[in-house]
Every structure is written in C-alpha cells, then in structure tokens.
N, C-alpha and C. Protein backbone atom coordinates (compact mmCIF):
# COMPACT_ATOMS: atom_id res chain seq x y z
N MET A 1 -1.98 5.60 -6.09
CA MET A 1 -1.98 4.08 -5.90
C MET A 1 -2.67 3.49 -4.76
N ILE A 2 -3.32 2.35 -4.74
CA ILE A 2 -3.83 1.85 -3.72
C ILE A 2 -3.19 0.57 -4.06
N VAL A 3 -2.59 -0.32 -2.83
CA VAL A 3 -2.04 -1.56 -2.95
C VAL A 3 -2.75 -2.45 -1.49
N THR A 4 -3.40 -3.47 -2.11
CA THR A 4 -4.46 -4.13 -1.01
C THR A 4 -3.46 -5.77 -1.16
N SER A 5 -4.33 -6.41 -0.53
CA SER A 5 -3.61 -8.08 -0.28
C SER A 5 -4.46 -8.89 -1.63
N ALA A 6 -3.89 -9.35 -2.13
CA ALA A 6 -4.52 -10.17 -3.45
C ALA A 6 -5.22 -11.30 -3.04
N PRO A 7 -6.39 -11.31 -3.87
CA PRO A 7 -7.30 -12.46 -3.23
C PRO A 7 -6.96 -13.78 -3.16
N THR A 8 -7.13 -14.68 -2.45
CA THR A 8 -6.75 -16.06 -2.66
C THR A 8 -6.72 -16.67 -3.97
N GLY A 9 -5.42 -17.56 -4.29
CA GLY A 9 -5.69 -18.33 -5.53
C GLY A 9 -4.81 -17.15 -6.45
N PHE A 10 -4.30 -16.21 -6.08
CA PHE A 10 -3.23 -15.39 -6.87
C PHE A 10 -1.94 -15.75 -6.23
N GLU A 11 -1.12 -15.68 -7.58
CA GLU A 11 0.05 -16.14 -6.82
C GLU A 11 0.89 -14.87 -6.70
N VAL A 12 1.43 -14.67 -5.46
CA VAL A 12 2.56 -13.18 -5.40
C VAL A 12 3.92 -13.55 -5.38
N ASP A 13 4.79 -13.21 -6.34
CA ASP A 13 5.86 -13.90 -5.82
C ASP A 13 6.95 -12.94 -5.92
N ARG A 14 6.78 -11.58 -5.34
CA ARG A 14 7.19 -10.92 -4.41
C ARG A 14 6.59 -9.90 -3.75
N PRO A 15 6.97 -9.18 -2.27
CA PRO A 15 6.21 -8.90 -1.80
C PRO A 15 6.52 -7.15 -2.09
N PHE A 16 5.79 -6.50 -1.43
CA PHE A 16 5.91 -4.55 -1.89
C PHE A 16 7.07 -4.28 -0.75
N GLU A 17 7.89 -4.05 -1.07
CA GLU A 17 8.73 -3.35 0.17
C GLU A 17 10.03 -2.50 -1.00
N PRO A 18 10.12 -1.72 -1.03
CA PRO A 18 10.89 -0.46 -1.81
C PRO A 18 11.77 -0.20 -1.10
N ALA A 19 11.90 -0.08 0.03
CA ALA A 19 13.18 0.05 0.95
C ALA A 19 14.16 -0.68 0.97
N ALA A 20 13.87 -2.39 0.74
CA ALA A 20 14.54 -3.31 0.76
C ALA A 20 14.94 -3.16 -0.66
N GLN A 21 14.64 -2.74 -1.81
CA GLN A 21 15.25 -2.82 -3.42
C GLN A 21 15.93 -1.31 -3.14
N ARG A 22 16.13 -0.58 -2.51
CA ARG A 22 16.90 0.59 -2.04
C ARG A 22 16.33 1.72 -2.74
N MET A 23 15.24 1.91 -2.70
CA MET A 23 14.66 2.95 -3.37
C MET A 23 14.65 4.16 -2.13
N LEU A 24 14.38 5.44 -2.73
CA LEU A 24 14.43 6.07 -1.49
C LEU A 24 12.79 6.50 -1.05
N VAL A 25 12.81 6.06 0.03
CA VAL A 25 11.04 6.01 0.49
C VAL A 25 10.91 6.98 1.77
N VAL A 26 9.38 7.67 2.09
CA VAL A 26 9.18 8.23 2.98
C VAL A 26 7.90 7.22 3.25
N GLU A 27 8.05 6.69 4.79
CA GLU A 27 6.83 5.82 4.77
C GLU A 27 6.54 6.77 6.29
N ARG A 28 4.56 6.77 6.31
CA ARG A 28 3.71 6.65 7.33
C ARG A 28 3.05 5.94 7.73
N ALA A 29 2.87 5.25 9.00
CA ALA A 29 1.59 4.49 9.08
C ALA A 29 0.61 5.01 9.68
N SER A 30 -0.44 4.25 9.37
CA SER A 30 -1.60 5.00 9.96
C SER A 30 -2.73 3.58 9.99
N GLU A 31 -3.84 4.27 10.40
CA GLU A 31 -4.80 2.88 11.33
C GLU A 31 -5.05 2.33 10.28
N THR A 32 -5.21 2.23 8.69
CA THR A 32 -6.09 1.81 7.52
C THR A 32 -4.43 0.97 6.95
N GLY A 33 -3.34 1.32 7.05
CA GLY A 33 -2.24 0.67 6.81
C GLY A 33 -0.87 1.68 6.78
N ARG A 34 -0.42 1.59 5.60
CA ARG A 34 1.19 2.67 5.07
C ARG A 34 0.72 3.19 4.14
N HIS A 35 0.96 4.54 4.62
CA HIS A 35 1.50 5.26 3.28
C HIS A 35 3.05 5.44 3.02
N VAL A 36 3.32 4.95 1.64
CA VAL A 36 4.84 5.14 0.90
C VAL A 36 4.63 5.90 -0.14
N VAL A 37 5.99 7.09 -0.08
CA VAL A 37 6.37 7.45 -1.13
C VAL A 37 7.55 7.40 -1.60
N ILE A 38 7.33 6.62 -3.04
CA ILE A 38 8.97 6.63 -3.34
C ILE A 38 9.55 7.45 -4.11
N ALA A 39 10.69 7.82 -4.11
CA ALA A 39 11.16 8.64 -4.81
C ALA A 39 11.47 8.89 -6.33
N ASP A 40 11.21 9.69 -6.91
CA ASP A 40 11.73 9.56 -8.04
C ASP A 40 11.86 11.30 -9.01
N THR A 41 12.84 10.77 -9.72
CA THR A 41 13.51 12.61 -10.65
C THR A 41 12.25 12.60 -11.04
N ARG A 42 11.41 12.08 -12.07
CA ARG A 42 10.35 12.63 -12.75
C ARG A 42 8.87 13.10 -12.05
N GLY A 43 8.78 12.60 -10.72
CA GLY A 43 7.50 12.40 -10.06
C GLY A 43 7.48 11.78 -8.82
N ASP A 44 7.36 11.86 -7.75
CA ASP A 44 7.53 10.67 -6.81
C ASP A 44 6.20 9.98 -6.75
N LEU A 45 6.15 9.00 -6.66
CA LEU A 45 5.16 7.83 -6.45
C LEU A 45 4.56 7.53 -4.76
N SER A 46 2.91 7.90 -4.63
CA SER A 46 2.09 7.72 -3.63
C SER A 46 1.79 6.02 -3.59
N VAL A 47 1.77 5.73 -2.57
CA VAL A 47 1.26 4.19 -2.23
C VAL A 47 0.36 3.91 -1.05
N TRP A 48 -0.60 3.39 -1.24
CA TRP A 48 -1.36 3.15 0.07
C TRP A 48 -1.40 1.95 0.06
N LEU A 49 -0.53 1.49 0.99
CA LEU A 49 -0.97 -0.30 1.29
C LEU A 49 -1.82 -0.59 2.28
N HIS A 50 -2.84 -0.90 1.40
CA HIS A 50 -4.44 -0.53 2.33
C HIS A 50 -4.35 -2.27 3.16
N GLY A 51 -4.50 -2.36 4.27
CA GLY A 51 -4.41 -3.66 5.15
C GLY A 51 -3.12 -4.08 5.55
N PRO A 52 -3.40 -5.20 6.79
CA PRO A 52 -1.76 -5.39 7.01
C PRO A 52 -1.00 -6.29 6.09
N ASN A 53 -1.59 -7.06 5.01
CA ASN A 53 -1.09 -7.88 4.64
C ASN A 53 -0.84 -7.50 3.23
N ALA A 54 -0.81 -6.16 2.78
CA ALA A 54 -0.94 -5.43 1.20
C ALA A 54 0.92 -6.08 1.14
N ALA A 55 1.18 -5.42 2.05
CA ALA A 55 3.01 -5.70 1.17
C ALA A 55 3.33 -7.19 1.22
N HIS A 56 2.52 -8.15 1.63
CA HIS A 56 3.08 -9.30 1.79
C HIS A 56 2.73 -10.08 0.35
N ARG A 57 1.44 -9.59 0.11
CA ARG A 57 0.69 -10.10 -0.97
C ARG A 57 0.31 -8.93 -2.18
N PRO A 58 0.90 -7.85 -2.98
CA PRO A 58 0.73 -6.89 -2.98
C PRO A 58 -0.20 -6.97 -4.33
N ALA A 59 -1.31 -6.57 -4.79
CA ALA A 59 -2.14 -6.21 -5.65
C ALA A 59 -2.89 -4.84 -5.98
N ALA A 60 -2.87 -4.42 -6.94
CA ALA A 60 -2.96 -2.89 -7.12
C ALA A 60 -4.70 -2.81 -7.15
N LEU A 61 -5.38 -2.13 -6.75
CA LEU A 61 -7.03 -1.49 -6.63
C LEU A 61 -7.24 -0.44 -7.46
N MET A 62 -7.88 -0.91 -8.32
CA MET A 62 -8.16 0.43 -9.47
C MET A 62 -9.69 0.44 -9.56
N PRO A 63 -10.37 1.69 -8.95
CA PRO A 63 -11.61 2.62 -8.94
C PRO A 63 -11.70 1.76 -10.67
N LEU A 64 -12.72 1.35 -10.86
CA LEU A 64 -13.64 1.38 -12.81
C LEU A 64 -14.24 2.84 -12.92
N ASP A 65 -13.44 4.32 -12.73
CA ASP A 65 -14.14 4.98 -12.43
C ASP A 65 -13.79 6.33 -13.98
N ASP A 66 -13.78 7.44 -14.07
CA ASP A 66 -13.74 8.43 -15.19
C ASP A 66 -11.53 8.03 -15.46
N THR A 67 -11.25 8.16 -14.24
CA THR A 67 -9.51 8.33 -13.79
C THR A 67 -8.94 6.76 -14.04
N LEU A 68 -9.56 6.16 -14.68
CA LEU A 68 -9.55 4.44 -14.72
C LEU A 68 -7.79 5.04 -15.74
N ASN A 69 -7.83 5.32 -16.84
CA ASN A 69 -6.69 5.58 -17.90
C ASN A 69 -5.34 6.06 -17.09
N LEU A 70 -5.59 7.09 -16.16
CA LEU A 70 -4.58 7.91 -15.43
C LEU A 70 -4.43 6.97 -14.60
N ARG A 71 -4.76 6.47 -14.18
CA ARG A 71 -4.52 5.38 -12.83
C ARG A 71 -3.78 4.43 -13.45
N ILE A 72 -3.92 3.65 -14.69
CA ILE A 72 -3.43 2.69 -15.25
C ILE A 72 -2.00 3.10 -15.71
N GLU A 73 -1.51 4.56 -16.12
CA GLU A 73 -0.31 5.00 -16.73
C GLU A 73 0.35 5.35 -15.29
N VAL A 74 -0.22 5.56 -13.93
CA VAL A 74 0.19 5.40 -12.69
C VAL A 74 0.76 4.24 -12.68
N LEU A 75 0.34 3.50 -12.65
CA LEU A 75 0.62 1.94 -12.20
C LEU A 75 1.47 1.67 -12.81
N GLU A 76 1.84 1.82 -14.47
CA GLU A 76 2.80 1.43 -15.18
C GLU A 76 4.07 2.35 -14.42
N ARG A 77 3.97 3.23 -14.39
CA ARG A 77 5.27 4.14 -13.47
C ARG A 77 5.62 3.53 -12.35
N LEU A 78 4.87 3.07 -11.35
CA LEU A 78 5.12 2.16 -10.54
C LEU A 78 5.50 0.63 -10.24
N ALA A 79 5.26 0.04 -11.92
CA ALA A 79 5.65 -0.92 -11.96
C ALA A 79 7.03 -0.86 -12.38
N ARG A 80 7.07 -0.03 -13.39
CA ARG A 80 8.85 0.37 -13.90
C ARG A 80 9.57 0.40 -12.74
N ARG A 81 9.14 1.36 -11.69
CA ARG A 81 10.11 2.01 -10.87
C ARG A 81 10.39 0.29 -9.97
N LEU A 82 9.49 -0.30 -9.73
CA LEU A 82 9.68 -1.50 -8.97
C LEU A 82 10.63 -2.64 -9.43
N GLN A 83 10.50 -2.62 -10.57
CA GLN A 83 11.57 -3.25 -11.09
C GLN A 83 12.89 -3.18 -11.60
N GLY A 84 13.28 -1.62 -10.73
CA GLY A 84 14.24 -1.38 -10.64
C GLY A 84 14.80 -0.27 -12.51
N ARG A 85 13.84 0.02 -12.75
CA ARG A 85 14.48 0.92 -14.00
C ARG A 85 13.66 2.22 -13.32
N PRO A 86 14.08 3.39 -14.24
CA PRO A 86 13.23 4.58 -13.90
C PRO A 86 11.63 4.72 -14.38
N ALA A 87 10.99 5.55 -13.22
CA ALA A 87 9.27 5.41 -13.50
C ALA A 87 9.19 5.83 -14.95
N GLY A 88 9.62 7.25 -15.58
CA GLY A 88 9.51 7.35 -16.35
C GLY A 88 8.83 9.01 -16.20
N PRO A 89 7.80 10.14 -16.88
CA PRO A 89 7.60 10.83 -17.10
C PRO A 89 6.16 10.89 -16.37
N LEU A 90 5.48 12.07 -15.63
CA LEU A 90 4.37 11.89 -15.59
C LEU A 90 3.42 11.36 -16.31
N PRO A 91 2.13 10.96 -16.59
CA PRO A 91 1.04 11.47 -17.67
C PRO A 91 1.05 12.38 -17.59
N ARG A 92 0.69 12.74 -18.91
CA ARG A 92 0.82 14.08 -19.32
C ARG A 92 -0.49 14.97 -18.43
N ALA A 93 -1.70 14.12 -17.92
CA ALA A 93 -2.78 15.12 -17.23
C ALA A 93 -1.95 15.21 -16.42
N LEU A 94 -0.95 15.02 -15.12
CA LEU A 94 -0.69 15.48 -14.30
C LEU A 94 0.50 16.23 -14.72
N GLN A 95 1.06 16.66 -15.53
CA GLN A 95 2.14 17.45 -15.35
C GLN A 95 1.45 19.08 -15.79
N LEU A 96 2.20 19.73 -14.91
CA LEU A 96 1.85 21.46 -14.87
C LEU A 96 2.35 22.13 -15.92
N THR A 97 2.38 22.96 -16.54
CA THR A 97 2.98 23.60 -17.39
C THR A 97 3.90 24.81 -16.49
N ARG A 98 4.46 25.52 -16.83
CA ARG A 98 5.05 26.47 -16.21
C ARG A 98 3.88 27.84 -15.90
N GLN A 99 3.67 28.23 -16.62
CA GLN A 99 2.02 28.63 -16.48
C GLN A 99 0.95 28.33 -15.49
N ARG A 100 0.25 27.39 -15.85
CA ARG A 100 -0.19 26.95 -14.80
C ARG A 100 0.28 26.49 -13.44
N ARG A 101 1.38 26.21 -13.02
CA ARG A 101 2.13 26.47 -11.82
C ARG A 101 2.16 27.45 -11.46
N ALA A 102 2.53 28.95 -12.12
CA ALA A 102 2.57 29.94 -11.53
C ALA A 102 1.49 30.43 -11.15
N ARG A 103 0.41 30.04 -12.16
CA ARG A 103 -1.35 30.51 -11.99
C ARG A 103 -1.53 29.72 -10.28
N LEU A 104 -1.76 28.62 -10.09
CA LEU A 104 -1.54 27.75 -9.14
C LEU A 104 -0.74 28.59 -7.68
N ILE A 105 0.42 29.01 -7.91
CA ILE A 105 1.49 29.57 -6.85
C ILE A 105 0.39 31.09 -6.42
N LEU A 106 -0.25 31.63 -7.63
CA LEU A 106 -0.79 33.08 -7.42
C LEU A 106 -2.28 32.71 -6.55
N LEU A 107 -3.11 31.78 -7.25
CA LEU A 107 -4.15 31.66 -6.17
C LEU A 107 -3.86 31.15 -4.82
N LEU A 108 -2.91 30.13 -4.34
CA LEU A 108 -2.66 29.90 -3.30
C LEU A 108 -2.38 31.11 -2.37
N HIS A 109 -1.74 32.24 -2.92
CA HIS A 109 -1.39 33.31 -2.25
C HIS A 109 -2.60 33.91 -2.00
N ALA A 110 -3.61 34.26 -3.15
CA ALA A 110 -4.77 34.72 -2.97
C ALA A 110 -5.59 34.20 -2.21
N LEU A 111 -5.63 32.84 -1.92
CA LEU A 111 -6.63 32.28 -0.79
C LEU A 111 -5.54 32.61 0.66
N ASP A 112 -4.26 32.71 0.57
CA ASP A 112 -3.61 32.84 1.93
C ASP A 112 -4.17 34.32 2.45
N PHE A 113 -4.04 35.45 1.61
CA PHE A 113 -4.62 36.93 1.57
C PHE A 113 -6.08 36.73 2.31
N ARG A 114 -6.83 36.08 1.51
CA ARG A 114 -8.71 35.85 1.80
C ARG A 114 -8.23 35.10 3.04
N LEU A 115 -7.89 34.44 3.57
CA LEU A 115 -8.36 33.57 4.53
C LEU A 115 -7.67 34.55 6.24
N ARG A 116 -6.57 35.33 5.67
CA ARG A 116 -6.22 36.14 6.61
C ARG A 116 -6.82 37.72 6.93
N GLY A 117 -8.18 37.66 6.11
CA GLY A 117 -9.00 38.63 6.20
C GLY A 117 -8.70 39.79 5.13
N ALA A 118 -7.73 39.75 4.33
CA ALA A 118 -6.89 40.79 3.34
C ALA A 118 -8.58 41.56 2.46
N GLU A 119 -8.81 42.50 2.30
CA GLU A 119 -9.59 43.34 1.30
C GLU A 119 -9.31 42.74 0.09
N LEU A 120 -10.48 43.02 -1.22
CA LEU A 120 -9.80 42.86 -2.40
C LEU A 120 -8.77 43.76 -2.79
N ARG A 121 -8.76 45.24 -2.57
CA ARG A 121 -7.90 46.19 -2.40
C ARG A 121 -6.49 45.60 -2.28
N GLY A 122 -6.79 45.22 -1.51
CA GLY A 122 -5.11 44.94 -0.44
C GLY A 122 -4.51 43.17 -1.49
N ILE A 123 -5.11 42.43 -1.59
CA ILE A 123 -5.02 41.28 -2.71
C ILE A 123 -4.36 41.84 -3.78
N ALA A 124 -5.00 42.64 -4.78
CA ALA A 124 -4.48 43.40 -5.68
C ALA A 124 -3.21 44.04 -5.88
N ALA A 125 -2.94 44.95 -4.69
CA ALA A 125 -2.02 45.59 -4.42
C ALA A 125 -0.51 44.64 -4.10
N ALA A 126 -0.88 43.59 -3.61
CA ALA A 126 0.40 42.47 -3.03
C ALA A 126 0.72 41.74 -4.35
N LEU A 127 -0.69 41.27 -5.09
CA LEU A 127 -0.19 40.32 -6.22
C LEU A 127 -0.57 40.90 -7.27
N ILE A 128 -0.99 41.71 -7.96
CA ILE A 128 -1.20 42.24 -9.61
C ILE A 128 -0.30 43.73 -9.67
N ASP A 129 -0.87 44.77 -9.27
CA ASP A 129 -0.43 45.85 -9.63
C ASP A 129 -0.94 47.15 -8.14
N PRO A 130 0.15 47.55 -7.43
CA PRO A 130 -0.04 48.34 -6.75
C PRO A 130 -0.39 49.71 -6.57
N ASP A 131 -0.21 49.77 -8.16
CA ASP A 131 -0.62 51.47 -8.47
C ASP A 131 -2.11 51.49 -8.93
N HIS A 132 -2.48 50.40 -9.32
CA HIS A 132 -4.09 50.15 -10.08
C HIS A 132 -4.72 49.97 -8.78
N ALA A 133 -4.12 49.21 -7.89
CA ALA A 133 -5.20 49.06 -6.19
C ALA A 133 -5.26 50.45 -6.05
N ALA A 134 -4.27 51.39 -6.02
CA ALA A 134 -3.99 52.68 -5.24
C ALA A 134 -5.46 53.78 -5.96
N LEU A 135 -6.31 53.23 -7.16
CA LEU A 135 -7.18 53.89 -7.74
C LEU A 135 -8.14 54.64 -6.83
N PRO A 136 -9.03 55.51 -7.48
CA PRO A 136 -10.01 56.16 -6.75
C PRO A 136 -10.99 55.03 -6.79
N ALA A 137 -12.01 55.29 -6.01
CA ALA A 137 -12.77 53.86 -5.63
C ALA A 137 -14.15 53.98 -6.86
N ILE A 138 -13.94 55.15 -8.07
CA ILE A 138 -14.75 55.46 -8.72
C ILE A 138 -14.04 54.73 -10.25
N GLU A 139 -12.96 54.76 -10.27
CA GLU A 139 -11.79 54.06 -11.13
C GLU A 139 -11.81 52.35 -10.99
N TRP A 140 -11.53 52.43 -9.56
CA TRP A 140 -11.22 51.07 -8.96
C TRP A 140 -12.23 49.92 -9.53
N LYS A 141 -13.39 50.51 -9.28
CA LYS A 141 -14.74 50.00 -9.32
C LYS A 141 -15.23 49.16 -10.83
N SER A 142 -14.34 49.83 -11.86
CA SER A 142 -14.47 49.07 -13.01
C SER A 142 -13.33 49.18 -13.56
N SER A 143 -12.26 48.88 -12.86
CA SER A 143 -10.89 48.39 -13.31
C SER A 143 -10.85 47.09 -13.53
N ALA A 144 -9.68 46.82 -15.23
CA ALA A 144 -9.37 45.10 -14.68
C ALA A 144 -9.03 44.53 -13.73
N THR A 145 -8.20 45.41 -12.89
CA THR A 145 -7.17 44.74 -11.83
C THR A 145 -8.14 44.34 -10.88
N ARG A 146 -8.99 45.16 -10.54
CA ARG A 146 -10.15 44.69 -9.52
C ARG A 146 -10.87 43.06 -10.07
N ARG A 147 -10.73 43.09 -11.29
CA ARG A 147 -11.78 42.09 -11.77
C ARG A 147 -10.91 40.82 -11.74
N LYS A 148 -9.57 41.06 -12.14
CA LYS A 148 -8.62 40.10 -12.11
C LYS A 148 -8.16 39.44 -10.47
N ALA A 149 -8.44 40.50 -9.18
CA ALA A 149 -8.19 40.13 -8.12
C ALA A 149 -9.20 39.42 -7.78
N ASN A 150 -10.76 39.97 -8.33
CA ASN A 150 -12.11 39.04 -7.74
C ASN A 150 -11.95 37.57 -8.62
N ARG A 151 -11.68 37.27 -9.62
CA ARG A 151 -11.54 36.08 -10.49
C ARG A 151 -10.42 35.45 -9.61
N LEU A 152 -9.39 35.63 -9.41
CA LEU A 152 -8.08 34.91 -8.18
C LEU A 152 -9.04 34.76 -6.89
N VAL A 153 -9.79 35.36 -6.57
CA VAL A 153 -10.29 34.78 -4.96
C VAL A 153 -11.07 33.74 -5.16
N HIS A 154 -12.11 34.26 -6.16
CA HIS A 154 -13.15 33.32 -6.54
C HIS A 154 -12.36 32.18 -6.95
N ASP A 155 -11.39 32.06 -7.87
CA ASP A 155 -10.74 30.70 -8.08
C ASP A 155 -10.23 30.08 -7.14
N ALA A 156 -9.26 30.97 -6.09
CA ALA A 156 -8.31 30.14 -4.96
C ALA A 156 -9.22 29.53 -4.07
N VAL A 157 -10.87 30.17 -3.58
CA VAL A 157 -11.74 29.53 -2.84
C VAL A 157 -12.50 28.37 -4.04
N ALA A 158 -12.76 28.31 -4.78
CA ALA A 158 -13.30 27.02 -5.81
C ALA A 158 -12.18 25.96 -5.44
N LEU A 159 -10.75 26.38 -5.59
CA LEU A 159 -10.00 25.17 -5.42
C LEU A 159 -9.60 24.61 -4.28
N MET A 160 -9.92 25.65 -2.89
CA MET A 160 -10.02 25.19 -1.62
C MET A 160 -11.31 24.41 -1.22
N ASN A 161 -12.28 24.12 -1.94
CA ASN A 161 -13.54 23.91 -1.62
C ASN A 161 -13.52 22.81 -2.83
N HIS A 162 -13.06 21.67 -2.65
CA HIS A 162 -12.62 20.45 -3.30
C HIS A 162 -12.35 20.76 -4.84
N GLY A 163 -11.89 22.26 -5.63
CA GLY A 163 -11.42 22.27 -6.79
C GLY A 163 -10.18 21.74 -7.14
N TYR A 164 -9.58 21.36 -5.87
CA TYR A 164 -8.59 20.56 -5.68
C TYR A 164 -8.30 19.02 -6.55
N LEU A 165 -9.56 18.54 -6.41
CA LEU A 165 -9.86 17.35 -6.90
C LEU A 165 -9.71 17.10 -8.09
N LYS A 166 -10.20 18.45 -9.04
CA LYS A 166 -9.69 18.10 -10.26
C LYS A 166 -8.25 18.41 -10.98
N LEU A 167 -7.33 18.42 -9.61
CA LEU A 167 -5.94 18.84 -10.20
C LEU A 167 -5.64 16.99 -10.09
N LEU A 168 -5.65 16.30 -9.22
CA LEU A 168 -5.39 14.92 -8.96
C LEU A 168 -5.92 13.84 -9.45
N ARG A 169 -7.07 14.55 -10.73
CA ARG A 169 -7.65 13.93 -11.71
C ARG A 169 -6.97 13.93 -13.25
N GLY A 170 -6.32 15.17 -13.35
CA GLY A 170 -5.63 15.65 -13.97
C GLY A 170 -6.39 16.37 -15.11
N GLU A 171 -7.05 17.41 -14.80
CA GLU A 171 -8.49 17.90 -15.08
C GLU A 171 -8.09 19.43 -15.40
C-alpha cells in the first residue's frame, strides 16, 4: 500500500502513526520515505509512506490498473487495523493454499540447487525421488521424474525472472 501526502484542500484529521496506536510495527527509512510493516495475525500490512509529509497528511495512492480491486481490499484491511479492529483475512487472491505453498517451497529449493550449479539428476534426487534419479541414462531420459524436475527448474527460473510479480498481483 502506498500512502502519500493528501493534496491541498483535503482535511486530514489523523496522522499515520501506527506505533503510537500500540500496533506492532517494523519500520525502515529510505531515501523516498518510510517503509512500515504493521503486524496482524491474519497477514501483515506493508505500507510505503512516500514523501516527507505522508505521515502527517496521509492519503492512499491507488494506481488504476488491473489490480485495483485487490488494492481496495488491502486498503480496507489497513483502514480496519488503523481503527483499532482486526484487519480481517487476506484477500482471497493473496491467500496461498497448502498445496500452492508446498509447490512454491519446492520451486525455491529447485532454484537454490540450480543457482548453485546442480544438474537435473541431482535436483531430482534431492527433491523428487532418489531412486528414479539413479536410473540408467536411457531410462532417465524418458522418465516422469526427469520431466518433473525439468518443470520445477523451468518454473523456478520463471518465478525468479519476474514471475513472482504474479504472486503479488494474486494471479
């Protein structure tokens, strides 16, 4: 969520100071403002306070793009949290199923192995099935384990090369 300074003419009755409201906050300053993470049991809220006056005259900045509805749901969670209520569940698009989470973890492991120079057989042995990875070359070439390891590496590299943005958009 991006919070910036409200334009002149808008009355802002309350500054954005979650720490003052006794919310557990992690904060980091940068050249462009402050990055704040507000803890919530159902999913933390990340806020970028853009500009020097953003905390004093807060206004949400929402690009009119394909993720507008998702951004509105996240803004509603932030508003509830700032009003002292629980933020509520993450928007459905941002919730990971147990199966999706397990696959993403597997992809991260595959990427780690690949970036360290591991061959496909090594990745298959570590992540899928060590017995099948030890097949003779002729059987390995047409094995389902080899195809699965290949898909893992391909999908992991795609995730690294900007595919992770789909996760952030809830795709």
